[in-house]
Amino acid sequence: MSKLEDLIAELKLAGLEAALSRQMENPQYRDLPFEDRLLQLLQAESAERLSRKIKRNMAQAKFKDLNARVEDIDYTIPRGLDKSAMLSLIAGEYLNKKQNILITGPTGTGKSFIAQALANMAVRDGLNARYYRLPRLMDEMKLARLDGTYVKGLNKIARYNLLILDDFGINPLTADDANDLLEVIEDRAGISSVIVTSQLPVDRWYDYLNNDTVADAILDRLLHSSHKIKLKGESIRKIQADNA
């Protein structure tokens, strides 16, 4: 192994190494200016690093549905899904503006799929995301209080560019749960985005939170500059079964 190969291996430049090997094996590269060859090597390394980052972030996101992708969102199903509004969200400007998305509708209408598809797109664009069912997150927060990792857990959640809170409103919240949720939302307000899915319409969230002061604080932060997707209709699985 040459000194150059040794140094490339030491610096862990896998993308550059593969590109250099291709250049060395192809005589056509000999006629390219040095700057062009170097640019291609660096572009290959950059692409390899981004690929590894996306793969790592996909694993860390803990998506429930690994196959949820924006390319597979079905706009032909009668459920009140506005395609032009969705395409605007898919472009990701809401992430740049630190805005939230609130997706409501009956069970089976695709709320979780849409949320995870948008998050999947964000990860493919180089951001990080984390999926939680709200009941599971509340359980984790309870345990964190007991084992002394509460603040560490909050800080970890706050670092994600995009947070999904699925099944908001499905289980009752205790007073501690509501306070924990406020801490999570407060850490992200104006800093990073949240996607919330719920069977409850937004106008019933205040009563669900069951604490006027905490509800005011949470909803003020969630609803400010948020995008609302209101799904309707029958369960997609039922529609597909009826049409089978």
C-alpha atoms as a PDB file:
ATOM      1  CA  MET A   1       0.000   0.000   0.000  1.00  0.00           C
ATOM      2  CA  SER A   2       1.344   3.449  -0.993  1.00  0.00           C
ATOM      3  CA  LYS A   3       1.766   6.344   1.431  1.00  0.00           C
ATOM      4  CA  LEU A   4      -1.209   8.025  -0.247  1.00  0.00           C
ATOM      5  CA  GLU A   5      -3.399   4.967   0.296  1.00  0.00           C
ATOM      6  CA  ASP A   6      -2.169   4.721   3.887  1.00  0.00           C
ATOM      7  CA  LEU A   7      -3.119   8.332   4.553  1.00  0.00           C
ATOM      8  CA  ILE A   8      -6.544   7.966   2.891  1.00  0.00           C
ATOM      9  CA  ALA A   9      -7.233   4.895   5.028  1.00  0.00           C
ATOM     10  CA  GLU A  10      -6.006   6.673   8.171  1.00  0.00           C
ATOM     11  CA  LEU A  11      -8.321   9.620   7.491  1.00  0.00           C
ATOM     12  CA  LYS A  12     -11.205   7.213   6.721  1.00  0.00           C
ATOM     13  CA  LEU A  13     -11.980   8.802   3.352  1.00  0.00           C
ATOM     14  CA  ALA A  14     -13.928   5.862   1.966  1.00  0.00           C
ATOM     15  CA  GLY A  15     -15.733   7.841  -0.725  1.00  0.00           C
ATOM     16  CA  LEU A  16     -12.538   9.478  -1.940  1.00  0.00           C
ATOM     17  CA  GLU A  17     -10.739   6.140  -1.882  1.00  0.00           C
ATOM     18  CA  ALA A  18     -13.340   4.473  -4.108  1.00  0.00           C
ATOM     19  CA  ALA A  19     -13.359   7.420  -6.516  1.00  0.00           C
ATOM     20  CA  LEU A  20      -9.557   7.475  -6.701  1.00  0.00           C
ATOM     21  CA  SER A  21      -9.541   3.779  -7.507  1.00  0.00           C
ATOM     22  CA  ARG A  22     -11.951   4.408 -10.378  1.00  0.00           C
ATOM     23  CA  GLN A  23      -9.771   7.227 -11.656  1.00  0.00           C
ATOM     24  CA  MET A  24      -6.624   5.104 -11.522  1.00  0.00           C
ATOM     25  CA  GLU A  25      -8.318   2.297 -13.460  1.00  0.00           C
ATOM     26  CA  ASN A  26      -9.717   4.565 -16.181  1.00  0.00           C
ATOM     27  CA  PRO A  27      -7.102   6.087 -18.533  1.00  0.00           C
ATOM     28  CA  GLN A  28      -9.550   8.801 -19.637  1.00  0.00           C
ATOM     29  CA  TYR A  29      -9.021  10.574 -16.308  1.00  0.00           C
ATOM     30  CA  ARG A  30      -5.362  11.220 -17.201  1.00  0.00           C
ATOM     31  CA  ASP A  31      -6.390  13.976 -19.587  1.00  0.00           C
ATOM     32  CA  LEU A  32      -8.455  15.831 -16.962  1.00  0.00           C
ATOM     33  CA  PRO A  33      -6.901  18.852 -15.220  1.00  0.00           C
ATOM     34  CA  PHE A  34      -5.750  18.180 -11.670  1.00  0.00           C
ATOM     35  CA  GLU A  35      -8.390  20.533 -10.238  1.00  0.00           C
ATOM     36  CA  ASP A  36     -11.195  18.633 -11.992  1.00  0.00           C
ATOM     37  CA  ARG A  37      -9.947  15.275 -10.747  1.00  0.00           C
ATOM     38  CA  LEU A  38      -9.574  16.629  -7.224  1.00  0.00           C
ATOM     39  CA  LEU A  39     -13.069  18.127  -7.340  1.00  0.00           C
ATOM     40  CA  GLN A  40     -14.536  14.760  -8.349  1.00  0.00           C
ATOM     41  CA  LEU A  41     -12.689  13.041  -5.516  1.00  0.00           C
ATOM     42  CA  LEU A  42     -13.974  15.534  -2.962  1.00  0.00           C
ATOM     43  CA  GLN A  43     -17.514  15.345  -4.346  1.00  0.00           C
ATOM     44  CA  ALA A  44     -17.402  11.553  -4.025  1.00  0.00           C
ATOM     45  CA  GLU A  45     -16.261  11.841  -0.414  1.00  0.00           C
ATOM     46  CA  SER A  46     -18.982  14.379   0.346  1.00  0.00           C
ATOM     47  CA  ALA A  47     -21.650  12.134  -1.191  1.00  0.00           C
ATOM     48  CA  GLU A  48     -20.393   9.130   0.783  1.00  0.00           C
ATOM     49  CA  ARG A  49     -20.495  11.063   4.050  1.00  0.00           C
ATOM     50  CA  LEU A  50     -24.034  12.275   3.360  1.00  0.00           C
ATOM     51  CA  SER A  51     -25.093   8.702   2.563  1.00  0.00           C
ATOM     52  CA  ARG A  52     -23.680   7.456   5.861  1.00  0.00           C
ATOM     53  CA  LYS A  53     -25.324  10.330   7.726  1.00  0.00           C
ATOM     54  CA  ILE A  54     -28.724   9.567   6.202  1.00  0.00           C
ATOM     55  CA  LYS A  55     -28.398   5.878   7.011  1.00  0.00           C
ATOM     56  CA  ARG A  56     -27.440   6.680  10.611  1.00  0.00           C
ATOM     57  CA  ASN A  57     -30.260   9.200  11.011  1.00  0.00           C
ATOM     58  CA  MET A  58     -32.812   6.785   9.551  1.00  0.00           C
ATOM     59  CA  ALA A  59     -31.863   4.236  12.201  1.00  0.00           C
ATOM     60  CA  GLN A  60     -31.981   6.824  14.997  1.00  0.00           C
ATOM     61  CA  ALA A  61     -35.407   8.099  13.898  1.00  0.00           C
ATOM     62  CA  LYS A  62     -37.097   4.865  15.067  1.00  0.00           C
ATOM     63  CA  PHE A  63     -39.824   5.138  12.446  1.00  0.00           C
ATOM     64  CA  LYS A  64     -42.662   2.702  13.003  1.00  0.00           C
ATOM     65  CA  ASP A  65     -43.202   2.419   9.244  1.00  0.00           C
ATOM     66  CA  LEU A  66     -39.874   2.229   7.430  1.00  0.00           C
ATOM     67  CA  ASN A  67     -41.684   2.252   4.083  1.00  0.00           C
ATOM     68  CA  ALA A  68     -43.485   5.561   4.615  1.00  0.00           C
ATOM     69  CA  ARG A  69     -42.287   7.841   1.817  1.00  0.00           C
ATOM     70  CA  VAL A  70     -43.819  10.962   0.306  1.00  0.00           C
ATOM     71  CA  GLU A  71     -43.612   9.339  -3.126  1.00  0.00           C
ATOM     72  CA  ASP A  72     -46.166   6.762  -1.953  1.00  0.00           C
ATOM     73  CA  ILE A  73     -48.804   9.120  -0.544  1.00  0.00           C
ATOM     74  CA  ASP A  74     -52.084   8.281  -2.278  1.00  0.00           C
ATOM     75  CA  TYR A  75     -54.045  11.375  -3.270  1.00  0.00           C
ATOM     76  CA  THR A  76     -56.832   9.419  -4.975  1.00  0.00           C
ATOM     77  CA  ILE A  77     -58.356   8.222  -1.693  1.00  0.00           C
ATOM     78  CA  PRO A  78     -61.277  10.490  -0.680  1.00  0.00           C
ATOM     79  CA  ARG A  79     -59.993  11.788   2.666  1.00  0.00           C
ATOM     80  CA  GLY A  80     -59.682  15.543   2.213  1.00  0.00           C
ATOM     81  CA  LEU A  81     -55.941  15.563   1.542  1.00  0.00           C
ATOM     82  CA  ASP A  82     -54.928  18.652  -0.450  1.00  0.00           C
ATOM     83  CA  LYS A  83     -52.160  17.666  -2.860  1.00  0.00           C
ATOM     84  CA  SER A  84     -50.891  21.200  -3.465  1.00  0.00           C
ATOM     85  CA  ALA A  85     -50.625  21.815   0.284  1.00  0.00           C
ATOM     86  CA  MET A  86     -48.801  18.528   0.723  1.00  0.00           C
ATOM     87  CA  LEU A  87     -46.338  19.304  -2.068  1.00  0.00           C
ATOM     88  CA  SER A  88     -45.567  22.576  -0.338  1.00  0.00           C
ATOM     89  CA  LEU A  89     -44.835  20.723   2.911  1.00  0.00           C
ATOM     90  CA  ILE A  90     -42.757  18.118   1.103  1.00  0.00           C
ATOM     91  CA  ALA A  91     -40.536  20.941  -0.164  1.00  0.00           C
ATOM     92  CA  GLY A  92     -39.554  21.403   3.481  1.00  0.00           C
ATOM     93  CA  GLU A  93     -39.942  25.150   3.925  1.00  0.00           C
ATOM     94  CA  TYR A  94     -41.841  24.537   7.185  1.00  0.00           C
ATOM     95  CA  LEU A  95     -38.608  23.104   8.596  1.00  0.00           C
ATOM     96  CA  ASN A  96     -36.629  26.189   7.619  1.00  0.00           C
ATOM     97  CA  LYS A  97     -39.271  28.376   9.266  1.00  0.00           C
ATOM     98  CA  LYS A  98     -39.447  26.135  12.390  1.00  0.00           C
ATOM     99  CA  GLN A  99     -43.180  25.576  11.877  1.00  0.00           C
ATOM    100  CA  ASN A 100     -45.301  22.668  13.091  1.00  0.00           C
ATOM    101  CA  ILE A 101     -47.721  20.327  11.327  1.00  0.00           C
ATOM    102  CA  LEU A 102     -50.901  19.115  13.025  1.00  0.00           C
ATOM    103  CA  ILE A 103     -52.571  16.115  11.379  1.00  0.00           C
ATOM    104  CA  THR A 104     -56.026  15.109  12.612  1.00  0.00           C
ATOM    105  CA  GLY A 105     -58.643  12.644  11.465  1.00  0.00           C
ATOM    106  CA  PRO A 106     -60.368   9.325  12.199  1.00  0.00           C
ATOM    107  CA  THR A 107     -58.399   6.150  12.732  1.00  0.00           C
ATOM    108  CA  GLY A 108     -56.998   4.536   9.616  1.00  0.00           C
ATOM    109  CA  THR A 109     -56.980   7.649   7.428  1.00  0.00           C
ATOM    110  CA  GLY A 110     -53.186   7.705   7.123  1.00  0.00           C
ATOM    111  CA  LYS A 111     -52.151  10.313   9.692  1.00  0.00           C
ATOM    112  CA  SER A 112     -49.118   8.391  10.947  1.00  0.00           C
ATOM    113  CA  PHE A 113     -48.044   7.427   7.420  1.00  0.00           C
ATOM    114  CA  ILE A 114     -48.093  11.045   6.254  1.00  0.00           C
ATOM    115  CA  ALA A 115     -46.198  12.224   9.345  1.00  0.00           C
ATOM    116  CA  GLN A 116     -43.506   9.585   8.936  1.00  0.00           C
ATOM    117  CA  ALA A 117     -43.300  10.157   5.176  1.00  0.00           C
ATOM    118  CA  LEU A 118     -42.591  13.855   5.767  1.00  0.00           C
ATOM    119  CA  ALA A 119     -39.995  12.980   8.403  1.00  0.00           C
ATOM    120  CA  ASN A 120     -38.427  10.419   6.075  1.00  0.00           C
ATOM    121  CA  MET A 121     -38.093  13.177   3.463  1.00  0.00           C
ATOM    122  CA  ALA A 122     -36.463  15.455   6.030  1.00  0.00           C
ATOM    123  CA  VAL A 123     -33.917  12.764   6.874  1.00  0.00           C
ATOM    124  CA  ARG A 124     -33.167  12.207   3.199  1.00  0.00           C
ATOM    125  CA  ASP A 125     -32.530  15.957   2.982  1.00  0.00           C
ATOM    126  CA  GLY A 126     -29.822  15.591   5.627  1.00  0.00           C
ATOM    127  CA  LEU A 127     -31.747  16.447   8.812  1.00  0.00           C
ATOM    128  CA  ASN A 128     -32.400  14.263  11.836  1.00  0.00           C
ATOM    129  CA  ALA A 129     -35.791  13.260  13.191  1.00  0.00           C
ATOM    130  CA  ARG A 130     -37.352  11.151  15.940  1.00  0.00           C
ATOM    131  CA  TYR A 131     -40.670   9.328  16.007  1.00  0.00           C
ATOM    132  CA  TYR A 132     -42.567   8.751  19.248  1.00  0.00           C
ATOM    133  CA  ARG A 133     -46.011   7.547  20.080  1.00  0.00           C
ATOM    134  CA  LEU A 134     -47.011  10.052  22.750  1.00  0.00           C
ATOM    135  CA  PRO A 135     -47.983   7.347  25.307  1.00  0.00           C
ATOM    136  CA  ARG A 136     -44.538   5.736  24.923  1.00  0.00           C
ATOM    137  CA  LEU A 137     -42.776   9.086  25.289  1.00  0.00           C
ATOM    138  CA  MET A 138     -44.702   9.791  28.497  1.00  0.00           C
ATOM    139  CA  ASP A 139     -43.653   6.384  29.851  1.00  0.00           C
ATOM    140  CA  GLU A 140     -40.023   7.144  29.041  1.00  0.00           C
ATOM    141  CA  MET A 141     -40.253  10.500  30.782  1.00  0.00           C
ATOM    142  CA  LYS A 142     -41.640   8.838  33.920  1.00  0.00           C
ATOM    143  CA  LEU A 143     -38.718   6.409  33.972  1.00  0.00           C
ATOM    144  CA  ALA A 144     -36.252   9.232  33.343  1.00  0.00           C
ATOM    145  CA  ARG A 145     -37.540  11.048  36.425  1.00  0.00           C
ATOM    146  CA  LEU A 146     -36.857   7.931  38.485  1.00  0.00           C
ATOM    147  CA  ASP A 147     -33.368   7.131  37.210  1.00  0.00           C
ATOM    148  CA  GLY A 148     -32.070  10.695  37.144  1.00  0.00           C
ATOM    149  CA  THR A 149     -31.823  11.070  33.348  1.00  0.00           C
ATOM    150  CA  TYR A 150     -34.784  13.453  32.932  1.00  0.00           C
ATOM    151  CA  VAL A 151     -32.832  16.561  31.894  1.00  0.00           C
ATOM    152  CA  LYS A 152     -30.484  14.496  29.718  1.00  0.00           C
ATOM    153  CA  GLY A 153     -33.513  12.985  27.959  1.00  0.00           C
ATOM    154  CA  LEU A 154     -35.083  16.389  27.359  1.00  0.00           C
ATOM    155  CA  ASN A 155     -31.829  17.703  25.917  1.00  0.00           C
ATOM    156  CA  LYS A 156     -31.559  14.719  23.583  1.00  0.00           C
ATOM    157  CA  ILE A 157     -35.088  15.211  22.247  1.00  0.00           C
ATOM    158  CA  ALA A 158     -34.457  18.935  21.784  1.00  0.00           C
ATOM    159  CA  ARG A 159     -31.547  18.224  19.431  1.00  0.00           C
ATOM    160  CA  TYR A 160     -33.714  16.630  16.744  1.00  0.00           C
ATOM    161  CA  ASN A 161     -34.571  18.858  13.796  1.00  0.00           C
ATOM    162  CA  LEU A 162     -38.004  17.235  13.585  1.00  0.00           C
ATOM    163  CA  LEU A 163     -40.047  15.467  16.265  1.00  0.00           C
ATOM    164  CA  ILE A 164     -43.120  13.338  15.555  1.00  0.00           C
ATOM    165  CA  LEU A 165     -45.677  12.927  18.350  1.00  0.00           C
ATOM    166  CA  ASP A 166     -48.062  10.240  17.139  1.00  0.00           C
ATOM    167  CA  ASP A 167     -51.378   9.315  18.810  1.00  0.00           C
ATOM    168  CA  PHE A 168     -51.807  12.572  20.717  1.00  0.00           C
ATOM    169  CA  GLY A 169     -55.010  12.249  22.747  1.00  0.00           C
ATOM    170  CA  ILE A 170     -55.294   8.481  22.680  1.00  0.00           C
ATOM    171  CA  ASN A 171     -54.559   8.000  26.409  1.00  0.00           C
ATOM    172  CA  PRO A 172     -55.369  10.295  29.362  1.00  0.00           C
ATOM    173  CA  LEU A 173     -52.527  12.488  30.602  1.00  0.00           C
ATOM    174  CA  THR A 174     -51.628  12.895  34.254  1.00  0.00           C
ATOM    175  CA  ALA A 175     -50.578  16.299  35.577  1.00  0.00           C
ATOM    176  CA  ASP A 176     -46.934  15.178  35.379  1.00  0.00           C
ATOM    177  CA  ASP A 177     -47.461  13.988  31.801  1.00  0.00           C
ATOM    178  CA  ALA A 178     -48.840  17.385  30.780  1.00  0.00           C
ATOM    179  CA  ASN A 179     -45.913  19.168  32.406  1.00  0.00           C
ATOM    180  CA  ASP A 180     -43.440  16.822  30.688  1.00  0.00           C
ATOM    181  CA  LEU A 181     -45.095  17.467  27.342  1.00  0.00           C
ATOM    182  CA  LEU A 182     -44.838  21.203  27.948  1.00  0.00           C
ATOM    183  CA  GLU A 183     -41.100  20.851  28.597  1.00  0.00           C
ATOM    184  CA  VAL A 184     -40.661  18.957  25.317  1.00  0.00           C
ATOM    185  CA  ILE A 185     -42.674  21.506  23.328  1.00  0.00           C
ATOM    186  CA  GLU A 186     -41.107  24.516  25.058  1.00  0.00           C
ATOM    187  CA  ASP A 187     -37.596  23.339  24.146  1.00  0.00           C
ATOM    188  CA  ARG A 188     -38.568  23.333  20.472  1.00  0.00           C
ATOM    189  CA  ALA A 189     -40.684  26.486  20.184  1.00  0.00           C
ATOM    190  CA  GLY A 190     -39.236  28.672  17.445  1.00  0.00           C
ATOM    191  CA  ILE A 191     -36.175  26.403  17.226  1.00  0.00           C
ATOM    192  CA  SER A 192     -37.301  23.204  15.500  1.00  0.00           C
ATOM    193  CA  SER A 193     -40.454  21.578  14.174  1.00  0.00           C
ATOM    194  CA  VAL A 194     -43.016  19.129  15.548  1.00  0.00           C
ATOM    195  CA  ILE A 195     -45.516  16.971  13.687  1.00  0.00           C
ATOM    196  CA  VAL A 196     -48.478  15.913  15.844  1.00  0.00           C
ATOM    197  CA  THR A 197     -51.083  13.347  14.833  1.00  0.00           C
ATOM    198  CA  SER A 198     -54.373  12.896  16.642  1.00  0.00           C
ATOM    199  CA  GLN A 199     -57.833  11.434  16.277  1.00  0.00           C
ATOM    200  CA  LEU A 200     -59.077  14.417  18.259  1.00  0.00           C
ATOM    201  CA  PRO A 201     -59.839  17.616  16.339  1.00  0.00           C
ATOM    202  CA  VAL A 202     -57.610  20.499  17.409  1.00  0.00           C
ATOM    203  CA  ASP A 203     -60.503  22.296  19.141  1.00  0.00           C
ATOM    204  CA  ARG A 204     -60.696  19.408  21.623  1.00  0.00           C
ATOM    205  CA  TRP A 205     -56.996  19.427  22.562  1.00  0.00           C
ATOM    206  CA  TYR A 206     -57.485  22.073  25.236  1.00  0.00           C
ATOM    207  CA  ASP A 207     -59.931  19.881  27.175  1.00  0.00           C
ATOM    208  CA  TYR A 208     -57.739  16.816  26.666  1.00  0.00           C
ATOM    209  CA  LEU A 209     -54.772  18.484  28.366  1.00  0.00           C
ATOM    210  CA  ASN A 210     -57.012  19.033  31.414  1.00  0.00           C
ATOM    211  CA  ASN A 211     -54.982  21.880  32.885  1.00  0.00           C
ATOM    212  CA  ASP A 212     -55.826  25.403  31.804  1.00  0.00           C
ATOM    213  CA  THR A 213     -52.380  26.896  32.412  1.00  0.00           C
ATOM    214  CA  VAL A 214     -50.431  24.045  30.825  1.00  0.00           C
ATOM    215  CA  ALA A 215     -52.913  23.739  27.942  1.00  0.00           C
ATOM    216  CA  ASP A 216     -52.563  27.447  27.168  1.00  0.00           C
ATOM    217  CA  ALA A 217     -48.783  27.148  27.093  1.00  0.00           C
ATOM    218  CA  ILE A 218     -48.640  23.959  24.990  1.00  0.00           C
ATOM    219  CA  LEU A 219     -51.252  25.009  22.446  1.00  0.00           C
ATOM    220  CA  ASP A 220     -49.826  28.503  22.086  1.00  0.00           C
ATOM    221  CA  ARG A 221     -46.509  26.955  21.044  1.00  0.00           C
ATOM    222  CA  LEU A 222     -47.966  24.186  18.877  1.00  0.00           C
ATOM    223  CA  LEU A 223     -50.583  26.235  17.045  1.00  0.00           C
ATOM    224  CA  HIS A 224     -48.419  29.272  16.311  1.00  0.00           C
ATOM    225  CA  SER A 225     -47.617  29.301  12.573  1.00  0.00           C
ATOM    226  CA  SER A 226     -48.717  25.677  12.234  1.00  0.00           C
ATOM    227  CA  HIS A 227     -49.971  23.820   9.179  1.00  0.00           C
ATOM    228  CA  LYS A 228     -53.176  21.851   9.741  1.00  0.00           C
ATOM    229  CA  ILE A 229     -54.115  18.727   7.807  1.00  0.00           C
ATOM    230  CA  LYS A 230     -57.679  17.596   8.541  1.00  0.00           C
ATOM    231  CA  LEU A 231     -58.307  14.120   7.192  1.00  0.00           C
ATOM    232  CA  LYS A 232     -61.754  12.573   6.974  1.00  0.00           C
ATOM    233  CA  GLY A 233     -63.504   9.474   5.684  1.00  0.00           C
ATOM    234  CA  GLU A 234     -63.270   5.761   6.265  1.00  0.00           C
ATOM    235  CA  SER A 235     -60.234   3.682   7.159  1.00  0.00           C
ATOM    236  CA  ILE A 236     -57.957   3.180   4.164  1.00  0.00           C
ATOM    237  CA  ARG A 237     -57.667  -0.514   5.008  1.00  0.00           C
ATOM    238  CA  LYS A 238     -61.462  -0.828   4.927  1.00  0.00           C
ATOM    239  CA  ILE A 239     -61.652   0.980   1.586  1.00  0.00           C
ATOM    240  CA  GLN A 240     -58.944  -1.250   0.140  1.00  0.00           C
ATOM    241  CA  ALA A 241     -60.656  -4.381   1.479  1.00  0.00           C
ATOM    242  CA  ASP A 242     -63.998  -3.328  -0.002  1.00  0.00           C
ATOM    243  CA  ASN A 243     -62.352  -2.740  -3.387  1.00  0.00           C
ATOM    244  CA  ALA A 244     -60.394  -6.009  -3.364  1.00  0.00           C
END
